[in-house]
């Protein structure tokens, strides 16, 4: 059943879809970079994007029953956020090296920015959601 566009909201699991899209887009762009940079730039970018996706998947797989599990979940999401900041730096390095199209850079950074915002919102909601756990 369709939902009217004005009544739509962000899915609670949108951060998973965005992280996956970011990983796929990053790998697609890295394949187009010169092969001589594989070990210096390409693998690094792909590995960071993969870690972001892995961390959000790990964090999402934890359903806290106590404060320790809630902290584990939070730690995974915080690690994903740190990796996203690292990814921004590495994308900037790649841009300086390869001078790819500005549209590519814009779309890439929109994905990263969207994921950062989704993770911040998730951490905020988790804080209030799991505050009363034993």
N, C-alpha and C. Protein backbone atom coordinates (compact mmCIF):
# COMPACT_ATOMS: atom_id res chain seq x y z
N UNK A 1 0.84 -1.18 0.00
CA UNK A 1 0.00 0.00 0.00
C UNK A 1 0.89 1.24 0.00
N UNK A 2 0.57 2.19 -0.80
CA UNK A 2 1.36 3.39 -0.94
C UNK A 2 1.01 4.41 0.14
N UNK A 3 2.01 5.20 0.47
CA UNK A 3 1.81 6.28 1.43
C UNK A 3 1.97 7.60 0.68
N UNK A 4 1.09 8.52 0.95
CA UNK A 4 1.16 9.83 0.31
C UNK A 4 2.51 10.47 0.65
N UNK A 5 3.12 11.08 -0.35
CA UNK A 5 4.46 11.63 -0.19
C UNK A 5 4.57 12.58 1.01
N UNK A 6 3.57 13.41 1.24
CA UNK A 6 3.62 14.35 2.35
C UNK A 6 3.52 13.65 3.70
N UNK A 7 2.99 12.43 3.73
CA UNK A 7 2.85 11.71 4.99
C UNK A 7 4.03 10.78 5.28
N UNK A 8 4.98 10.70 4.36
CA UNK A 8 6.13 9.83 4.53
C UNK A 8 7.12 10.41 5.52
N UNK A 9 7.81 9.51 6.21
CA UNK A 9 8.87 9.95 7.12
C UNK A 9 10.07 9.03 6.93
N UNK A 10 11.15 9.34 7.61
CA UNK A 10 12.36 8.54 7.50
C UNK A 10 12.15 7.22 8.23
N UNK A 11 12.54 6.15 7.60
CA UNK A 11 12.45 4.84 8.22
C UNK A 11 13.41 4.76 9.40
N UNK A 12 13.04 3.99 10.41
CA UNK A 12 13.91 3.84 11.57
C UNK A 12 15.19 3.09 11.21
N UNK A 13 15.16 2.31 10.15
CA UNK A 13 16.34 1.53 9.73
C UNK A 13 16.99 2.13 8.48
N UNK A 14 16.71 3.38 8.19
CA UNK A 14 17.29 4.03 7.01
C UNK A 14 18.81 4.09 7.11
N UNK A 15 19.36 4.16 8.31
CA UNK A 15 20.81 4.22 8.47
C UNK A 15 21.48 2.97 7.90
N UNK A 16 20.80 1.82 7.93
CA UNK A 16 21.36 0.60 7.34
C UNK A 16 21.39 0.69 5.82
N UNK A 17 20.31 1.15 5.23
CA UNK A 17 20.25 1.27 3.77
C UNK A 17 21.25 2.29 3.26
N UNK A 18 21.39 3.39 3.98
CA UNK A 18 22.33 4.43 3.56
C UNK A 18 23.76 3.95 3.68
N UNK A 19 24.08 3.23 4.75
CA UNK A 19 25.44 2.69 4.91
C UNK A 19 25.76 1.70 3.80
N UNK A 20 24.79 0.89 3.44
CA UNK A 20 25.01 -0.08 2.35
C UNK A 20 25.20 0.65 1.02
N UNK A 21 24.36 1.65 0.78
CA UNK A 21 24.49 2.44 -0.45
C UNK A 21 25.85 3.14 -0.52
N UNK A 22 26.30 3.65 0.62
CA UNK A 22 27.60 4.31 0.69
C UNK A 22 28.73 3.33 0.37
N UNK A 23 28.65 2.13 0.91
CA UNK A 23 29.68 1.13 0.64
C UNK A 23 29.71 0.78 -0.85
N UNK A 24 28.55 0.53 -1.42
CA UNK A 24 28.48 0.16 -2.84
C UNK A 24 28.99 1.29 -3.72
N UNK A 25 28.57 2.51 -3.43
CA UNK A 25 29.00 3.66 -4.24
C UNK A 25 30.51 3.86 -4.13
N UNK A 26 31.04 3.71 -2.93
CA UNK A 26 32.48 3.87 -2.73
C UNK A 26 33.27 2.84 -3.53
N UNK A 27 32.84 1.59 -3.49
CA UNK A 27 33.52 0.54 -4.23
C UNK A 27 33.43 0.81 -5.73
N UNK A 28 32.26 1.23 -6.19
CA UNK A 28 32.10 1.54 -7.62
C UNK A 28 33.05 2.65 -8.06
N UNK A 29 33.23 3.66 -7.24
CA UNK A 29 34.12 4.76 -7.61
C UNK A 29 35.59 4.33 -7.53
N UNK A 30 35.93 3.51 -6.56
CA UNK A 30 37.32 3.06 -6.41
C UNK A 30 37.77 2.21 -7.59
N UNK A 31 36.86 1.47 -8.17
CA UNK A 31 37.20 0.62 -9.32
C UNK A 31 37.62 1.49 -10.51
N UNK A 32 37.10 2.70 -10.57
CA UNK A 32 37.43 3.59 -11.69
C UNK A 32 38.73 4.37 -11.50
N UNK A 33 39.30 4.34 -10.31
CA UNK A 33 40.55 5.05 -10.06
C UNK A 33 41.71 4.27 -10.69
N UNK A 34 42.83 4.95 -10.97
CA UNK A 34 43.97 4.26 -11.56
C UNK A 34 44.44 3.08 -10.70
N UNK A 35 44.79 1.99 -11.37
CA UNK A 35 45.18 0.76 -10.68
C UNK A 35 46.45 0.92 -9.85
N UNK A 36 47.34 1.82 -10.25
CA UNK A 36 48.59 1.99 -9.51
C UNK A 36 48.36 2.54 -8.09
N UNK A 37 47.16 3.07 -7.84
CA UNK A 37 46.83 3.60 -6.51
C UNK A 37 46.04 2.60 -5.67
N UNK A 38 45.91 1.38 -6.14
CA UNK A 38 45.08 0.38 -5.46
C UNK A 38 45.42 0.26 -3.99
N UNK A 39 46.70 0.10 -3.66
CA UNK A 39 47.09 -0.15 -2.27
C UNK A 39 47.19 1.12 -1.43
N UNK A 40 47.20 2.27 -2.08
CA UNK A 40 47.35 3.53 -1.35
C UNK A 40 46.03 4.25 -1.11
N UNK A 41 45.13 4.18 -2.07
CA UNK A 41 43.88 4.93 -1.97
C UNK A 41 42.66 4.02 -2.06
N UNK A 42 42.59 3.22 -3.11
CA UNK A 42 41.39 2.45 -3.40
C UNK A 42 41.02 1.49 -2.28
N UNK A 43 41.97 0.70 -1.84
CA UNK A 43 41.67 -0.26 -0.77
C UNK A 43 41.30 0.43 0.52
N UNK A 44 41.96 1.53 0.80
CA UNK A 44 41.67 2.28 2.03
C UNK A 44 40.24 2.79 2.03
N UNK A 45 39.84 3.42 0.94
CA UNK A 45 38.48 3.94 0.84
C UNK A 45 37.45 2.83 0.96
N UNK A 46 37.66 1.74 0.23
CA UNK A 46 36.70 0.64 0.25
C UNK A 46 36.64 0.01 1.65
N UNK A 47 37.78 -0.12 2.30
CA UNK A 47 37.82 -0.73 3.63
C UNK A 47 37.09 0.14 4.66
N UNK A 48 37.25 1.44 4.58
CA UNK A 48 36.56 2.33 5.52
C UNK A 48 35.05 2.25 5.32
N UNK A 49 34.61 2.31 4.07
CA UNK A 49 33.17 2.23 3.78
C UNK A 49 32.61 0.89 4.24
N UNK A 50 33.38 -0.16 4.09
CA UNK A 50 32.95 -1.49 4.55
C UNK A 50 32.83 -1.53 6.06
N UNK A 51 33.80 -0.92 6.75
CA UNK A 51 33.74 -0.90 8.23
C UNK A 51 32.52 -0.12 8.72
N UNK A 52 32.17 0.95 8.03
CA UNK A 52 30.98 1.72 8.42
C UNK A 52 29.76 0.80 8.35
N UNK A 53 29.61 0.12 7.24
CA UNK A 53 28.45 -0.76 7.07
C UNK A 53 28.47 -1.89 8.10
N UNK A 54 29.64 -2.48 8.33
CA UNK A 54 29.74 -3.56 9.30
C UNK A 54 29.39 -3.08 10.71
N UNK A 55 29.87 -1.90 11.07
CA UNK A 55 29.59 -1.38 12.42
C UNK A 55 28.11 -1.09 12.63
N UNK A 56 27.45 -0.51 11.63
CA UNK A 56 26.02 -0.24 11.83
C UNK A 56 25.22 -1.55 11.86
N UNK A 57 25.65 -2.55 11.07
CA UNK A 57 24.98 -3.86 11.13
C UNK A 57 25.19 -4.51 12.50
N UNK A 58 26.40 -4.44 13.01
CA UNK A 58 26.68 -5.02 14.34
C UNK A 58 25.88 -4.31 15.42
N UNK A 59 25.90 -2.99 15.37
CA UNK A 59 25.15 -2.22 16.37
C UNK A 59 23.66 -2.50 16.32
N UNK A 60 23.15 -2.62 15.12
CA UNK A 60 21.72 -2.88 14.96
C UNK A 60 21.33 -4.30 15.40
N UNK A 61 22.28 -5.20 15.41
CA UNK A 61 21.97 -6.58 15.79
C UNK A 61 21.89 -6.78 17.30
N UNK A 62 22.24 -5.76 18.07
CA UNK A 62 22.19 -5.86 19.52
C UNK A 62 20.87 -5.28 20.02
N UNK A 63 20.12 -6.11 20.72
CA UNK A 63 18.87 -5.69 21.36
C UNK A 63 19.11 -5.68 22.86
N UNK A 64 19.44 -4.52 23.41
CA UNK A 64 19.90 -4.44 24.79
C UNK A 64 18.89 -4.92 25.83
N UNK A 65 19.40 -5.74 26.76
CA UNK A 65 18.61 -6.17 27.91
C UNK A 65 19.16 -5.53 29.18
N UNK A 66 20.36 -4.93 29.08
CA UNK A 66 20.96 -4.25 30.22
C UNK A 66 21.85 -3.11 29.72
N UNK A 67 22.38 -2.35 30.65
CA UNK A 67 23.18 -1.17 30.29
C UNK A 67 24.45 -1.54 29.52
N UNK A 68 25.06 -2.68 29.87
CA UNK A 68 26.27 -3.11 29.18
C UNK A 68 25.99 -3.34 27.69
N UNK A 69 24.92 -4.01 27.37
CA UNK A 69 24.57 -4.27 25.97
C UNK A 69 24.19 -2.97 25.25
N UNK A 70 23.54 -2.07 25.97
CA UNK A 70 23.21 -0.77 25.38
C UNK A 70 24.48 0.00 25.06
N UNK A 71 25.49 -0.12 25.93
CA UNK A 71 26.77 0.55 25.68
C UNK A 71 27.51 -0.09 24.51
N UNK A 72 27.43 -1.41 24.38
CA UNK A 72 28.05 -2.08 23.23
C UNK A 72 27.42 -1.58 21.93
N UNK A 73 26.12 -1.49 21.93
CA UNK A 73 25.39 -0.99 20.75
C UNK A 73 25.84 0.43 20.43
N UNK A 74 25.90 1.25 21.44
CA UNK A 74 26.33 2.65 21.27
C UNK A 74 27.76 2.72 20.73
N UNK A 75 28.64 1.87 21.24
CA UNK A 75 30.03 1.86 20.81
C UNK A 75 30.16 1.55 19.32
N UNK A 76 29.38 0.60 18.84
CA UNK A 76 29.42 0.28 17.41
C UNK A 76 28.98 1.47 16.56
N UNK A 77 27.93 2.15 17.01
CA UNK A 77 27.46 3.31 16.25
C UNK A 77 28.46 4.47 16.33
N UNK A 78 29.11 4.62 17.48
CA UNK A 78 30.13 5.66 17.59
C UNK A 78 31.34 5.34 16.70
N UNK A 79 31.72 4.06 16.63
CA UNK A 79 32.81 3.66 15.74
C UNK A 79 32.45 3.95 14.28
N UNK A 80 31.21 3.67 13.92
CA UNK A 80 30.77 3.96 12.55
C UNK A 80 30.86 5.47 12.27
N UNK A 81 30.49 6.28 13.25
CA UNK A 81 30.60 7.73 13.09
C UNK A 81 32.04 8.19 12.92
N UNK A 82 32.94 7.60 13.69
CA UNK A 82 34.36 7.94 13.56
C UNK A 82 34.90 7.52 12.19
N UNK A 83 34.48 6.36 11.72
CA UNK A 83 34.90 5.89 10.39
C UNK A 83 34.36 6.82 9.30
N UNK A 84 33.16 7.35 9.49
CA UNK A 84 32.60 8.28 8.51
C UNK A 84 33.44 9.55 8.42
N UNK A 85 33.90 10.04 9.57
CA UNK A 85 34.77 11.22 9.56
C UNK A 85 36.09 10.91 8.85
N UNK A 86 36.60 9.71 9.07
CA UNK A 86 37.81 9.27 8.39
C UNK A 86 37.56 9.17 6.88
N UNK A 87 36.40 8.67 6.50
CA UNK A 87 36.05 8.53 5.09
C UNK A 87 36.03 9.88 4.39
N UNK A 88 35.52 10.89 5.06
CA UNK A 88 35.50 12.24 4.48
C UNK A 88 36.91 12.68 4.13
N UNK A 89 37.84 12.47 5.04
CA UNK A 89 39.24 12.86 4.79
C UNK A 89 39.83 12.11 3.62
N UNK A 90 39.55 10.82 3.54
CA UNK A 90 40.11 10.01 2.46
C UNK A 90 39.48 10.35 1.11
N UNK A 91 38.21 10.70 1.10
CA UNK A 91 37.57 11.12 -0.15
C UNK A 91 38.20 12.43 -0.64
N UNK A 92 38.49 13.32 0.30
CA UNK A 92 39.14 14.58 -0.08
C UNK A 92 40.52 14.32 -0.68
N UNK A 93 41.27 13.38 -0.12
CA UNK A 93 42.58 13.02 -0.66
C UNK A 93 42.41 12.46 -2.07
N UNK A 94 41.44 11.57 -2.24
CA UNK A 94 41.19 10.98 -3.56
C UNK A 94 40.82 12.06 -4.57
N UNK A 95 40.02 13.02 -4.14
CA UNK A 95 39.62 14.10 -5.04
C UNK A 95 40.84 14.92 -5.48
N UNK A 96 41.73 15.20 -4.54
CA UNK A 96 42.93 15.97 -4.89
C UNK A 96 43.84 15.19 -5.83
N UNK A 97 43.88 13.88 -5.69
CA UNK A 97 44.72 13.06 -6.55
C UNK A 97 44.12 12.88 -7.95
N UNK A 98 42.83 12.62 -8.03
CA UNK A 98 42.22 12.20 -9.29
C UNK A 98 41.34 13.24 -9.95
N UNK A 99 40.94 14.28 -9.24
CA UNK A 99 40.08 15.34 -9.78
C UNK A 99 38.90 14.78 -10.56
N UNK A 100 38.15 13.87 -9.90
CA UNK A 100 36.96 13.33 -10.55
C UNK A 100 35.87 14.39 -10.59
N UNK A 101 34.79 14.10 -11.28
CA UNK A 101 33.73 15.07 -11.49
C UNK A 101 33.16 15.60 -10.17
N UNK A 102 32.80 16.86 -10.17
CA UNK A 102 32.26 17.49 -8.97
C UNK A 102 30.94 16.82 -8.55
N UNK A 103 30.15 16.37 -9.52
CA UNK A 103 28.89 15.70 -9.21
C UNK A 103 29.10 14.42 -8.41
N UNK A 104 30.19 13.73 -8.71
CA UNK A 104 30.53 12.51 -7.97
C UNK A 104 30.84 12.87 -6.53
N UNK A 105 31.64 13.90 -6.36
CA UNK A 105 32.02 14.36 -5.02
C UNK A 105 30.78 14.79 -4.22
N UNK A 106 29.89 15.52 -4.87
CA UNK A 106 28.67 16.00 -4.21
C UNK A 106 27.82 14.82 -3.74
N UNK A 107 27.59 13.87 -4.63
CA UNK A 107 26.76 12.72 -4.27
C UNK A 107 27.41 11.90 -3.16
N UNK A 108 28.71 11.70 -3.24
CA UNK A 108 29.45 10.94 -2.23
C UNK A 108 29.31 11.61 -0.87
N UNK A 109 29.52 12.91 -0.84
CA UNK A 109 29.45 13.64 0.43
C UNK A 109 28.02 13.72 0.96
N UNK A 110 27.04 13.74 0.07
CA UNK A 110 25.64 13.71 0.51
C UNK A 110 25.33 12.39 1.21
N UNK A 111 25.85 11.31 0.67
CA UNK A 111 25.66 10.00 1.31
C UNK A 111 26.30 9.97 2.70
N UNK A 112 27.53 10.47 2.77
CA UNK A 112 28.24 10.49 4.06
C UNK A 112 27.49 11.38 5.06
N UNK A 113 27.11 12.57 4.61
CA UNK A 113 26.40 13.51 5.49
C UNK A 113 25.07 12.93 5.96
N UNK A 114 24.36 12.29 5.07
CA UNK A 114 23.09 11.67 5.43
C UNK A 114 23.30 10.59 6.48
N UNK A 115 24.33 9.78 6.30
CA UNK A 115 24.61 8.71 7.28
C UNK A 115 25.00 9.28 8.64
N UNK A 116 25.79 10.34 8.63
CA UNK A 116 26.18 10.99 9.90
C UNK A 116 24.94 11.49 10.63
N UNK A 117 24.05 12.15 9.92
CA UNK A 117 22.82 12.67 10.54
C UNK A 117 21.94 11.54 11.07
N UNK A 118 21.82 10.48 10.30
CA UNK A 118 21.00 9.34 10.74
C UNK A 118 21.60 8.69 11.99
N UNK A 119 22.91 8.56 12.04
CA UNK A 119 23.55 7.96 13.22
C UNK A 119 23.39 8.86 14.45
N UNK A 120 23.52 10.16 14.27
CA UNK A 120 23.33 11.08 15.40
C UNK A 120 21.91 10.98 15.95
N UNK A 121 20.94 10.93 15.05
CA UNK A 121 19.54 10.80 15.48
C UNK A 121 19.32 9.46 16.18
N UNK A 122 19.93 8.41 15.67
CA UNK A 122 19.81 7.09 16.28
C UNK A 122 20.42 7.07 17.68
N UNK A 123 21.60 7.64 17.83
CA UNK A 123 22.23 7.69 19.15
C UNK A 123 21.39 8.49 20.14
N UNK A 124 20.80 9.56 19.66
CA UNK A 124 19.94 10.38 20.53
C UNK A 124 18.70 9.59 20.96
N UNK A 125 18.08 8.88 20.03
CA UNK A 125 16.88 8.12 20.39
C UNK A 125 17.23 6.93 21.29
N UNK A 126 18.38 6.29 21.04
CA UNK A 126 18.81 5.18 21.88
C UNK A 126 19.07 5.63 23.31
N UNK A 127 19.61 6.82 23.45
CA UNK A 127 19.92 7.33 24.80
C UNK A 127 18.66 7.41 25.66
N UNK A 128 17.59 7.93 25.10
CA UNK A 128 16.35 8.01 25.88
C UNK A 128 15.63 6.67 25.93
N UNK A 129 15.79 5.87 24.90
CA UNK A 129 15.10 4.58 24.83
C UNK A 129 15.64 3.57 25.84
N UNK A 130 16.96 3.58 26.06
CA UNK A 130 17.57 2.57 26.92
C UNK A 130 18.07 3.12 28.25
N UNK A 131 17.62 4.30 28.64
CA UNK A 131 18.11 4.90 29.88
C UNK A 131 17.68 4.17 31.15
N UNK A 132 16.57 3.44 31.09
CA UNK A 132 16.05 2.79 32.29
C UNK A 132 16.41 1.31 32.41
N UNK A 133 17.32 0.85 31.59
CA UNK A 133 17.72 -0.56 31.66
C UNK A 133 18.54 -0.81 32.92
N UNK A 134 18.46 -2.04 33.44
CA UNK A 134 19.23 -2.37 34.65
C UNK A 134 20.72 -2.37 34.38
